[in-house]
């Protein structure tokens, strides 16, 4: 529907707003998003941002646990790598402070 230069500019605007956590767009851009013109792009960007955040939280948790000297079993590591809930991962990161065992962390 849009010519290539305009489409690229609009996609850049959508990406910029999403990475800054801003969910509002100019009315013309919102209409194009709702019409599906940029829906795949937006959905892909949101999934990529979510996946990146989850991976960062998992890696931070594993590093904090290692620095705290808390041994993890392969099952513990698999549980952390399989977790796809940011709230749970953030809670586990908070649990590292004062934890003495993996069970303390993953509670």
PDB file of N, CA and C in Angstrom:
ATOM      1  N   UNK A   1       0.822  -1.175   0.000  1.00  0.00           N
ATOM      2  CA  UNK A   1       0.000   0.000   0.000  1.00  0.00           C
ATOM      3  C   UNK A   1       0.877   1.255   0.000  1.00  0.00           C
ATOM      4  N   UNK A   2       1.924   1.260   0.794  1.00  0.00           N
ATOM      5  CA  UNK A   2       2.828   2.419   0.861  1.00  0.00           C
ATOM      6  C   UNK A   2       4.015   2.214  -0.058  1.00  0.00           C
ATOM      7  N   UNK A   3       4.560   3.304  -0.556  1.00  0.00           N
ATOM      8  CA  UNK A   3       5.801   3.218  -1.309  1.00  0.00           C
ATOM      9  C   UNK A   3       6.929   2.880  -0.351  1.00  0.00           C
ATOM     10  N   UNK A   4       7.949   2.262  -0.875  1.00  0.00           N
ATOM     11  CA  UNK A   4       9.035   1.724  -0.050  1.00  0.00           C
ATOM     12  C   UNK A   4       9.683   2.752   0.879  1.00  0.00           C
ATOM     13  N   UNK A   5      10.048   3.959   0.431  1.00  0.00           N
ATOM     14  CA  UNK A   5      10.676   4.906   1.370  1.00  0.00           C
ATOM     15  C   UNK A   5       9.762   5.276   2.539  1.00  0.00           C
ATOM     16  N   UNK A   6       8.469   5.471   2.240  1.00  0.00           N
ATOM     17  CA  UNK A   6       7.523   5.829   3.307  1.00  0.00           C
ATOM     18  C   UNK A   6       7.330   4.651   4.262  1.00  0.00           C
ATOM     19  N   UNK A   7       7.274   3.452   3.717  1.00  0.00           N
ATOM     20  CA  UNK A   7       7.114   2.262   4.549  1.00  0.00           C
ATOM     21  C   UNK A   7       8.305   2.101   5.495  1.00  0.00           C
ATOM     22  N   UNK A   8       9.522   2.269   4.983  1.00  0.00           N
ATOM     23  CA  UNK A   8      10.718   2.153   5.826  1.00  0.00           C
ATOM     24  C   UNK A   8      10.729   3.212   6.923  1.00  0.00           C
ATOM     25  N   UNK A   9      10.333   4.436   6.572  1.00  0.00           N
ATOM     26  CA  UNK A   9      10.295   5.509   7.571  1.00  0.00           C
ATOM     27  C   UNK A   9       9.277   5.195   8.659  1.00  0.00           C
ATOM     28  N   UNK A  10       8.136   4.682   8.256  1.00  0.00           N
ATOM     29  CA  UNK A  10       7.094   4.357   9.230  1.00  0.00           C
ATOM     30  C   UNK A  10       7.510   3.174  10.102  1.00  0.00           C
ATOM     31  N   UNK A  11       8.146   2.186   9.511  1.00  0.00           N
ATOM     32  CA  UNK A  11       8.648   1.053  10.297  1.00  0.00           C
ATOM     33  C   UNK A  11       9.689   1.522  11.309  1.00  0.00           C
ATOM     34  N   UNK A  12      10.553   2.451  10.911  1.00  0.00           N
ATOM     35  CA  UNK A  12      11.553   2.989  11.837  1.00  0.00           C
ATOM     36  C   UNK A  12      10.880   3.716  12.995  1.00  0.00           C
ATOM     37  N   UNK A  13       9.824   4.457  12.707  1.00  0.00           N
ATOM     38  CA  UNK A  13       9.084   5.147  13.754  1.00  0.00           C
ATOM     39  C   UNK A  13       8.457   4.151  14.724  1.00  0.00           C
ATOM     40  N   UNK A  14       7.862   3.102  14.193  1.00  0.00           N
ATOM     41  CA  UNK A  14       7.245   2.079  15.041  1.00  0.00           C
ATOM     42  C   UNK A  14       8.299   1.433  15.924  1.00  0.00           C
ATOM     43  N   UNK A  15       9.448   1.072  15.351  1.00  0.00           N
ATOM     44  CA  UNK A  15      10.507   0.429  16.129  1.00  0.00           C
ATOM     45  C   UNK A  15      11.012   1.367  17.223  1.00  0.00           C
ATOM     46  N   UNK A  16      11.212   2.624  16.883  1.00  0.00           N
ATOM     47  CA  UNK A  16      11.704   3.593  17.855  1.00  0.00           C
ATOM     48  C   UNK A  16      10.722   3.733  19.013  1.00  0.00           C
ATOM     49  N   UNK A  17       9.466   3.854  18.715  1.00  0.00           N
ATOM     50  CA  UNK A  17       8.460   4.028  19.762  1.00  0.00           C
ATOM     51  C   UNK A  17       8.361   2.779  20.642  1.00  0.00           C
ATOM     52  N   UNK A  18       8.474   1.595  20.051  1.00  0.00           N
ATOM     53  CA  UNK A  18       8.371   0.367  20.839  1.00  0.00           C
ATOM     54  C   UNK A  18       9.574   0.194  21.740  1.00  0.00           C
ATOM     55  N   UNK A  19      10.767   0.495  21.260  1.00  0.00           N
ATOM     56  CA  UNK A  19      11.940   0.308  22.095  1.00  0.00           C
ATOM     57  C   UNK A  19      12.011   1.352  23.197  1.00  0.00           C
ATOM     58  N   UNK A  20      11.362   2.484  22.996  1.00  0.00           N
ATOM     59  CA  UNK A  20      11.322   3.502  24.041  1.00  0.00           C
ATOM     60  C   UNK A  20      10.172   3.273  25.007  1.00  0.00           C
ATOM     61  N   UNK A  21       9.359   2.242  24.753  1.00  0.00           N
ATOM     62  CA  UNK A  21       8.229   1.948  25.620  1.00  0.00           C
ATOM     63  C   UNK A  21       7.032   2.837  25.375  1.00  0.00           C
ATOM     64  N   UNK A  22       7.042   3.574  24.265  1.00  0.00           N
ATOM     65  CA  UNK A  22       5.906   4.440  23.940  1.00  0.00           C
ATOM     66  C   UNK A  22       4.941   3.660  23.062  1.00  0.00           C
ATOM     67  N   UNK A  23       3.689   3.661  23.429  1.00  0.00           N
ATOM     68  CA  UNK A  23       2.715   2.885  22.683  1.00  0.00           C
ATOM     69  C   UNK A  23       1.838   3.747  21.786  1.00  0.00           C
ATOM     70  N   UNK A  24       2.028   5.060  21.780  1.00  0.00           N
ATOM     71  CA  UNK A  24       1.171   5.916  20.970  1.00  0.00           C
ATOM     72  C   UNK A  24       1.853   6.263  19.656  1.00  0.00           C
ATOM     73  N   UNK A  25       1.051   6.365  18.611  1.00  0.00           N
ATOM     74  CA  UNK A  25       1.530   6.693  17.288  1.00  0.00           C
ATOM     75  C   UNK A  25       0.646   7.786  16.713  1.00  0.00           C
ATOM     76  N   UNK A  26       1.154   8.511  15.729  1.00  0.00           N
ATOM     77  CA  UNK A  26       0.291   9.480  15.067  1.00  0.00           C
ATOM     78  C   UNK A  26      -0.924   8.760  14.481  1.00  0.00           C
ATOM     79  N   UNK A  27      -2.055   9.445  14.366  1.00  0.00           N
ATOM     80  CA  UNK A  27      -3.284   8.793  13.884  1.00  0.00           C
ATOM     81  C   UNK A  27      -3.108   8.052  12.556  1.00  0.00           C
ATOM     82  N   UNK A  28      -2.374   8.641  11.599  1.00  0.00           N
ATOM     83  CA  UNK A  28      -2.213   7.960  10.312  1.00  0.00           C
ATOM     84  C   UNK A  28      -1.445   6.650  10.468  1.00  0.00           C
ATOM     85  N   UNK A  29      -0.434   6.651  11.346  1.00  0.00           N
ATOM     86  CA  UNK A  29       0.354   5.446  11.567  1.00  0.00           C
ATOM     87  C   UNK A  29      -0.471   4.394  12.304  1.00  0.00           C
ATOM     88  N   UNK A  30      -1.254   4.815  13.283  1.00  0.00           N
ATOM     89  CA  UNK A  30      -2.104   3.885  14.017  1.00  0.00           C
ATOM     90  C   UNK A  30      -3.101   3.221  13.070  1.00  0.00           C
ATOM     91  N   UNK A  31      -3.655   3.992  12.135  1.00  0.00           N
ATOM     92  CA  UNK A  31      -4.605   3.438  11.171  1.00  0.00           C
ATOM     93  C   UNK A  31      -3.932   2.394  10.293  1.00  0.00           C
ATOM     94  N   UNK A  32      -2.720   2.670   9.841  1.00  0.00           N
ATOM     95  CA  UNK A  32      -1.991   1.692   9.029  1.00  0.00           C
ATOM     96  C   UNK A  32      -1.679   0.426   9.824  1.00  0.00           C
ATOM     97  N   UNK A  33      -1.326   0.591  11.094  1.00  0.00           N
ATOM     98  CA  UNK A  33      -1.054  -0.566  11.949  1.00  0.00           C
ATOM     99  C   UNK A  33      -2.317  -1.399  12.097  1.00  0.00           C
ATOM    100  N   UNK A  34      -3.435  -0.743  12.378  1.00  0.00           N
ATOM    101  CA  UNK A  34      -4.711  -1.440  12.553  1.00  0.00           C
ATOM    102  C   UNK A  34      -5.158  -2.120  11.269  1.00  0.00           C
ATOM    103  N   UNK A  35      -4.855  -1.521  10.120  1.00  0.00           N
ATOM    104  CA  UNK A  35      -5.225  -2.107   8.827  1.00  0.00           C
ATOM    105  C   UNK A  35      -4.355  -3.311   8.490  1.00  0.00           C
ATOM    106  N   UNK A  36      -3.315  -3.521   9.244  1.00  0.00           N
ATOM    107  CA  UNK A  36      -2.454  -4.668   9.006  1.00  0.00           C
ATOM    108  C   UNK A  36      -1.240  -4.358   8.168  1.00  0.00           C
ATOM    109  N   UNK A  37      -1.117  -3.118   7.709  1.00  0.00           N
ATOM    110  CA  UNK A  37       0.014  -2.753   6.865  1.00  0.00           C
ATOM    111  C   UNK A  37       1.344  -3.015   7.573  1.00  0.00           C
ATOM    112  N   UNK A  38       1.412  -2.747   8.875  1.00  0.00           N
ATOM    113  CA  UNK A  38       2.648  -2.937   9.635  1.00  0.00           C
ATOM    114  C   UNK A  38       2.481  -3.951  10.762  1.00  0.00           C
ATOM    115  N   UNK A  39       1.381  -4.680  10.778  1.00  0.00           N
ATOM    116  CA  UNK A  39       1.093  -5.588  11.884  1.00  0.00           C
ATOM    117  C   UNK A  39       2.180  -6.645  12.068  1.00  0.00           C
ATOM    118  N   UNK A  40       2.595  -7.279  10.970  1.00  0.00           N
ATOM    119  CA  UNK A  40       3.626  -8.302  11.076  1.00  0.00           C
ATOM    120  C   UNK A  40       4.922  -7.740  11.619  1.00  0.00           C
ATOM    121  N   UNK A  41       5.277  -6.570  11.164  1.00  0.00           N
ATOM    122  CA  UNK A  41       6.487  -5.911  11.656  1.00  0.00           C
ATOM    123  C   UNK A  41       6.363  -5.643  13.145  1.00  0.00           C
ATOM    124  N   UNK A  42       5.239  -5.052  13.557  1.00  0.00           N
ATOM    125  CA  UNK A  42       5.032  -4.712  14.968  1.00  0.00           C
ATOM    126  C   UNK A  42       5.045  -5.968  15.828  1.00  0.00           C
ATOM    127  N   UNK A  43       4.330  -6.997  15.398  1.00  0.00           N
ATOM    128  CA  UNK A  43       4.277  -8.234  16.181  1.00  0.00           C
ATOM    129  C   UNK A  43       5.655  -8.876  16.288  1.00  0.00           C
ATOM    130  N   UNK A  44       6.403  -8.863  15.192  1.00  0.00           N
ATOM    131  CA  UNK A  44       7.748  -9.431  15.218  1.00  0.00           C
ATOM    132  C   UNK A  44       8.679  -8.655  16.130  1.00  0.00           C
ATOM    133  N   UNK A  45       8.579  -7.340  16.097  1.00  0.00           N
ATOM    134  CA  UNK A  45       9.407  -6.510  16.970  1.00  0.00           C
ATOM    135  C   UNK A  45       9.068  -6.753  18.435  1.00  0.00           C
ATOM    136  N   UNK A  46       7.778  -6.817  18.749  1.00  0.00           N
ATOM    137  CA  UNK A  46       7.381  -7.046  20.138  1.00  0.00           C
ATOM    138  C   UNK A  46       7.861  -8.401  20.624  1.00  0.00           C
ATOM    139  N   UNK A  47       7.741  -9.429  19.783  1.00  0.00           N
ATOM    140  CA  UNK A  47       8.216 -10.759  20.167  1.00  0.00           C
ATOM    141  C   UNK A  47       9.726 -10.733  20.378  1.00  0.00           C
ATOM    142  N   UNK A  48      10.438 -10.067  19.479  1.00  0.00           N
ATOM    143  CA  UNK A  48      11.892  -9.976  19.622  1.00  0.00           C
ATOM    144  C   UNK A  48      12.303  -9.254  20.895  1.00  0.00           C
ATOM    145  N   UNK A  49      11.615  -8.175  21.213  1.00  0.00           N
ATOM    146  CA  UNK A  49      11.912  -7.441  22.449  1.00  0.00           C
ATOM    147  C   UNK A  49      11.621  -8.301  23.670  1.00  0.00           C
ATOM    148  N   UNK A  50      10.492  -9.002  23.658  1.00  0.00           N
ATOM    149  CA  UNK A  50      10.129  -9.867  24.788  1.00  0.00           C
ATOM    150  C   UNK A  50      11.148 -10.998  24.946  1.00  0.00           C
ATOM    151  N   UNK A  51      11.486 -11.656  23.835  1.00  0.00           N
ATOM    152  CA  UNK A  51      12.455 -12.756  23.895  1.00  0.00           C
ATOM    153  C   UNK A  51      13.811 -12.264  24.392  1.00  0.00           C
ATOM    154  N   UNK A  52      14.219 -11.087  23.939  1.00  0.00           N
ATOM    155  CA  UNK A  52      15.492 -10.523  24.388  1.00  0.00           C
ATOM    156  C   UNK A  52      15.490 -10.214  25.870  1.00  0.00           C
ATOM    157  N   UNK A  53      14.380  -9.690  26.362  1.00  0.00           N
ATOM    158  CA  UNK A  53      14.282  -9.388  27.792  1.00  0.00           C
ATOM    159  C   UNK A  53      14.343 -10.674  28.605  1.00  0.00           C
ATOM    160  N   UNK A  54      13.612 -11.703  28.176  1.00  0.00           N
ATOM    161  CA  UNK A  54      13.640 -12.977  28.890  1.00  0.00           C
ATOM    162  C   UNK A  54      15.053 -13.561  28.922  1.00  0.00           C
ATOM    163  N   UNK A  55      15.727 -13.544  27.779  1.00  0.00           N
ATOM    164  CA  UNK A  55      17.083 -14.092  27.729  1.00  0.00           C
ATOM    165  C   UNK A  55      18.029 -13.304  28.632  1.00  0.00           C
ATOM    166  N   UNK A  56      17.892 -11.986  28.658  1.00  0.00           N
ATOM    167  CA  UNK A  56      18.719 -11.164  29.534  1.00  0.00           C
ATOM    168  C   UNK A  56      18.478 -11.471  31.003  1.00  0.00           C
ATOM    169  N   UNK A  57      17.225 -11.653  31.378  1.00  0.00           N
ATOM    170  CA  UNK A  57      16.911 -11.989  32.771  1.00  0.00           C
ATOM    171  C   UNK A  57      17.468 -13.361  33.144  1.00  0.00           C
ATOM    172  N   UNK A  58      17.348 -14.329  32.241  1.00  0.00           N
ATOM    173  CA  UNK A  58      17.894 -15.672  32.517  1.00  0.00           C
ATOM    174  C   UNK A  58      19.403 -15.606  32.721  1.00  0.00           C
ATOM    175  N   UNK A  59      20.080 -14.905  31.828  1.00  0.00           N
ATOM    176  CA  UNK A  59      21.537 -14.795  31.936  1.00  0.00           C
ATOM    177  C   UNK A  59      21.944 -14.055  33.207  1.00  0.00           C
ATOM    178  N   UNK A  60      21.233 -12.991  33.551  1.00  0.00           N
ATOM    179  CA  UNK A  60      21.544 -12.254  34.779  1.00  0.00           C
ATOM    180  C   UNK A  60      21.363 -13.154  35.994  1.00  0.00           C
ATOM    181  N   UNK A  61      20.299 -13.923  36.014  1.00  0.00           N
ATOM    182  CA  UNK A  61      20.043 -14.829  37.134  1.00  0.00           C
ATOM    183  C   UNK A  61      21.165 -15.855  37.263  1.00  0.00           C
ATOM    184  N   UNK A  62      21.539 -16.474  36.152  1.00  0.00           N
ATOM    185  CA  UNK A  62      22.601 -17.479  36.207  1.00  0.00           C
ATOM    186  C   UNK A  62      23.926 -16.867  36.680  1.00  0.00           C
ATOM    187  N   UNK A  63      24.225 -15.672  36.233  1.00  0.00           N
ATOM    188  CA  UNK A  63      25.467 -15.013  36.666  1.00  0.00           C
ATOM    189  C   UNK A  63      25.428 -14.656  38.148  1.00  0.00           C
ATOM    190  N   UNK A  64      24.298 -14.143  38.617  1.00  0.00           N
ATOM    191  CA  UNK A  64      24.184 -13.786  40.037  1.00  0.00           C
ATOM    192  C   UNK A  64      24.298 -15.008  40.930  1.00  0.00           C
ATOM    193  N   UNK A  65      23.659 -16.091  40.515  1.00  0.00           N
ATOM    194  CA  UNK A  65      23.729 -17.332  41.300  1.00  0.00           C
ATOM    195  C   UNK A  65      25.173 -17.823  41.351  1.00  0.00           C
ATOM    196  N   UNK A  66      25.859 -17.784  40.225  1.00  0.00           N
ATOM    197  CA  UNK A  66      27.259 -18.228  40.191  1.00  0.00           C
ATOM    198  C   UNK A  66      28.128 -17.348  41.090  1.00  0.00           C
ATOM    199  N   UNK A  67      27.927 -16.030  41.022  1.00  0.00           N
ATOM    200  CA  UNK A  67      28.717 -15.119  41.851  1.00  0.00           C
ATOM    201  C   UNK A  67      28.420 -15.291  43.327  1.00  0.00           C
ATOM    202  N   UNK A  68      27.195 -15.723  43.650  1.00  0.00           N
ATOM    203  CA  UNK A  68      26.835 -15.958  45.043  1.00  0.00           C
ATOM    204  C   UNK A  68      27.371 -17.300  45.537  1.00  0.00           C
ATOM    205  N   UNK A  69      27.945 -18.101  44.633  1.00  0.00           N
ATOM    206  CA  UNK A  69      28.509 -19.396  45.012  1.00  0.00           C
ATOM    207  C   UNK A  69      27.461 -20.449  45.297  1.00  0.00           C
ATOM    208  N   UNK A  70      26.290 -20.284  44.725  1.00  0.00           N
ATOM    209  CA  UNK A  70      25.208 -21.243  44.938  1.00  0.00           C
ATOM    210  C   UNK A  70      25.245 -22.268  43.801  1.00  0.00           C
ATOM    211  N   UNK A  71      25.462 -23.545  44.144  1.00  0.00           N
ATOM    212  CA  UNK A  71      25.514 -24.556  43.085  1.00  0.00           C
ATOM    213  C   UNK A  71      24.121 -24.844  42.511  1.00  0.00           C
ATOM    214  N   UNK A  72      24.070 -25.027  41.198  1.00  0.00           N
ATOM    215  CA  UNK A  72      22.825 -25.379  40.515  1.00  0.00           C
ATOM    216  C   UNK A  72      22.981 -26.755  39.874  1.00  0.00           C
ATOM    217  N   UNK A  73      21.931 -27.537  39.945  1.00  0.00           N
ATOM    218  CA  UNK A  73      21.917 -28.811  39.232  1.00  0.00           C
ATOM    219  C   UNK A  73      21.526 -28.532  37.786  1.00  0.00           C
ATOM    220  N   UNK A  74      21.689 -29.539  36.937  1.00  0.00           N
ATOM    221  CA  UNK A  74      21.257 -29.384  35.537  1.00  0.00           C
ATOM    222  C   UNK A  74      19.737 -29.156  35.476  1.00  0.00           C
ATOM    223  N   UNK A  75      18.996 -29.781  36.393  1.00  0.00           N
ATOM    224  CA  UNK A  75      17.546 -29.549  36.435  1.00  0.00           C
ATOM    225  C   UNK A  75      17.236 -28.094  36.791  1.00  0.00           C
ATOM    226  N   UNK A  76      17.994 -27.530  37.736  1.00  0.00           N
ATOM    227  CA  UNK A  76      17.799 -26.115  38.099  1.00  0.00           C
ATOM    228  C   UNK A  76      18.072 -25.218  36.893  1.00  0.00           C
ATOM    229  N   UNK A  77      19.177 -25.500  36.194  1.00  0.00           N
ATOM    230  CA  UNK A  77      19.525 -24.702  35.012  1.00  0.00           C
ATOM    231  C   UNK A  77      18.460 -24.842  33.921  1.00  0.00           C
ATOM    232  N   UNK A  78      17.975 -26.043  33.721  1.00  0.00           N
ATOM    233  CA  UNK A  78      16.937 -26.272  32.713  1.00  0.00           C
ATOM    234  C   UNK A  78      15.654 -25.530  33.096  1.00  0.00           C
ATOM    235  N   UNK A  79      15.331 -25.515  34.369  1.00  0.00           N
ATOM    236  CA  UNK A  79      14.143 -24.792  34.835  1.00  0.00           C
ATOM    237  C   UNK A  79      14.272 -23.298  34.557  1.00  0.00           C
ATOM    238  N   UNK A  80      15.452 -22.752  34.818  1.00  0.00           N
ATOM    239  CA  UNK A  80      15.692 -21.328  34.560  1.00  0.00           C
ATOM    240  C   UNK A  80      15.605 -21.045  33.064  1.00  0.00           C
ATOM    241  N   UNK A  81      16.239 -21.872  32.252  1.00  0.00           N
ATOM    242  CA  UNK A  81      16.239 -21.642  30.800  1.00  0.00           C
ATOM    243  C   UNK A  81      14.849 -21.822  30.192  1.00  0.00           C
ATOM    244  N   UNK A  82      14.018 -22.640  30.803  1.00  0.00           N
ATOM    245  CA  UNK A  82      12.672 -22.873  30.280  1.00  0.00           C
ATOM    246  C   UNK A  82      11.664 -21.817  30.735  1.00  0.00           C
ATOM    247  N   UNK A  83      12.012 -21.046  31.743  1.00  0.00           N
ATOM    248  CA  UNK A  83      11.077 -20.061  32.291  1.00  0.00           C
ATOM    249  C   UNK A  83      10.842 -18.944  31.275  1.00  0.00           C
ATOM    250  N   UNK A  84       9.578 -18.686  30.965  1.00  0.00           N
ATOM    251  CA  UNK A  84       9.244 -17.615  30.021  1.00  0.00           C
ATOM    252  C   UNK A  84       8.322 -16.570  30.661  1.00  0.00           C
ATOM    253  N   UNK A  85       8.468 -16.408  31.972  1.00  0.00           N
ATOM    254  CA  UNK A  85       7.663 -15.436  32.710  1.00  0.00           C
ATOM    255  C   UNK A  85       8.597 -14.406  33.358  1.00  0.00           C
ATOM    256  N   UNK A  86       8.496 -13.159  32.925  1.00  0.00           N
ATOM    257  CA  UNK A  86       9.404 -12.136  33.442  1.00  0.00           C
ATOM    258  C   UNK A  86       9.224 -11.908  34.937  1.00  0.00           C
ATOM    259  N   UNK A  87       8.005 -11.992  35.434  1.00  0.00           N
ATOM    260  CA  UNK A  87       7.755 -11.771  36.866  1.00  0.00           C
ATOM    261  C   UNK A  87       8.470 -12.836  37.692  1.00  0.00           C
ATOM    262  N   UNK A  88       8.384 -14.076  37.251  1.00  0.00           N
ATOM    263  CA  UNK A  88       9.053 -15.173  37.971  1.00  0.00           C
ATOM    264  C   UNK A  88      10.563 -14.988  37.937  1.00  0.00           C
ATOM    265  N   UNK A  89      11.117 -14.686  36.768  1.00  0.00           N
ATOM    266  CA  UNK A  89      12.568 -14.489  36.672  1.00  0.00           C
ATOM    267  C   UNK A  89      13.031 -13.327  37.537  1.00  0.00           C
ATOM    268  N   UNK A  90      12.279 -12.242  37.546  1.00  0.00           N
ATOM    269  CA  UNK A  90      12.636 -11.101  38.397  1.00  0.00           C
ATOM    270  C   UNK A  90      12.562 -11.467  39.875  1.00  0.00           C
ATOM    271  N   UNK A  91      11.585 -12.272  40.268  1.00  0.00           N
ATOM    272  CA  UNK A  91      11.488 -12.716  41.665  1.00  0.00           C
ATOM    273  C   UNK A  91      12.691 -13.584  42.036  1.00  0.00           C
ATOM    274  N   UNK A  92      13.071 -14.488  41.136  1.00  0.00           N
ATOM    275  CA  UNK A  92      14.219 -15.342  41.399  1.00  0.00           C
ATOM    276  C   UNK A  92      15.496 -14.509  41.519  1.00  0.00           C
ATOM    277  N   UNK A  93      15.632 -13.479  40.690  1.00  0.00           N
ATOM    278  CA  UNK A  93      16.800 -12.599  40.792  1.00  0.00           C
ATOM    279  C   UNK A  93      16.819 -11.927  42.160  1.00  0.00           C
ATOM    280  N   UNK A  94      15.681 -11.433  42.611  1.00  0.00           N
ATOM    281  CA  UNK A  94      15.594 -10.815  43.939  1.00  0.00           C
ATOM    282  C   UNK A  94      15.925 -11.823  45.036  1.00  0.00           C
ATOM    283  N   UNK A  95      15.527 -13.081  44.839  1.00  0.00           N
ATOM    284  CA  UNK A  95      15.757 -14.117  45.845  1.00  0.00           C
ATOM    285  C   UNK A  95      17.238 -14.438  46.049  1.00  0.00           C
ATOM    286  N   UNK A  96      18.071 -14.127  45.051  1.00  0.00           N
ATOM    287  CA  UNK A  96      19.501 -14.452  45.171  1.00  0.00           C
ATOM    288  C   UNK A  96      20.100 -13.768  46.400  1.00  0.00           C
ATOM    289  N   UNK A  97      19.658 -12.542  46.658  1.00  0.00           N
ATOM    290  CA  UNK A  97      20.157 -11.839  47.844  1.00  0.00           C
ATOM    291  C   UNK A  97      19.714 -12.583  49.095  1.00  0.00           C
ATOM    292  N   UNK A  98      20.655 -13.060  49.855  1.00  0.00           N
ATOM    293  CA  UNK A  98      20.357 -13.775  51.085  1.00  0.00           C
ATOM    294  C   UNK A  98      20.131 -15.250  50.920  1.00  0.00           C
ATOM    295  N   UNK A  99      20.104 -15.760  49.671  1.00  0.00           N
ATOM    296  CA  UNK A  99      19.878 -17.181  49.438  1.00  0.00           C
ATOM    297  C   UNK A  99      21.136 -17.988  49.752  1.00  0.00           C
ATOM    298  N   UNK A 100      20.924 -19.191  50.247  1.00  0.00           N
ATOM    299  CA  UNK A 100      22.033 -20.089  50.529  1.00  0.00           C
ATOM    300  C   UNK A 100      21.991 -21.323  49.625  1.00  0.00           C
ATOM    301  N   UNK A 101      20.821 -21.619  49.071  1.00  0.00           N
ATOM    302  CA  UNK A 101      20.668 -22.791  48.222  1.00  0.00           C
ATOM    303  C   UNK A 101      19.877 -22.420  46.970  1.00  0.00           C
ATOM    304  N   UNK A 102      19.922 -23.324  45.995  1.00  0.00           N
ATOM    305  CA  UNK A 102      19.139 -23.134  44.779  1.00  0.00           C
ATOM    306  C   UNK A 102      17.645 -23.128  45.098  1.00  0.00           C
ATOM    307  N   UNK A 103      17.234 -23.908  46.080  1.00  0.00           N
ATOM    308  CA  UNK A 103      15.820 -23.935  46.469  1.00  0.00           C
ATOM    309  C   UNK A 103      15.387 -22.570  46.994  1.00  0.00           C
ATOM    310  N   UNK A 104      16.288 -21.874  47.706  1.00  0.00           N
ATOM    311  CA  UNK A 104      15.978 -20.534  48.179  1.00  0.00           C
ATOM    312  C   UNK A 104      15.766 -19.573  47.013  1.00  0.00           C
ATOM    313  N   UNK A 105      16.596 -19.716  45.995  1.00  0.00           N
ATOM    314  CA  UNK A 105      16.510 -18.845  44.822  1.00  0.00           C
ATOM    315  C   UNK A 105      15.237 -19.123  44.032  1.00  0.00           C
ATOM    316  N   UNK A 106      14.945 -20.385  43.787  1.00  0.00           N
ATOM    317  CA  UNK A 106      13.850 -20.765  42.903  1.00  0.00           C
ATOM    318  C   UNK A 106      12.529 -20.968  43.617  1.00  0.00           C
ATOM    319  N   UNK A 107      12.365 -20.330  44.749  1.00  0.00           N
ATOM    320  CA  UNK A 107      11.092 -20.463  45.482  1.00  0.00           C
ATOM    321  C   UNK A 107      10.149 -19.345  45.124  1.00  0.00           C
TER     322      UNK A 107
END
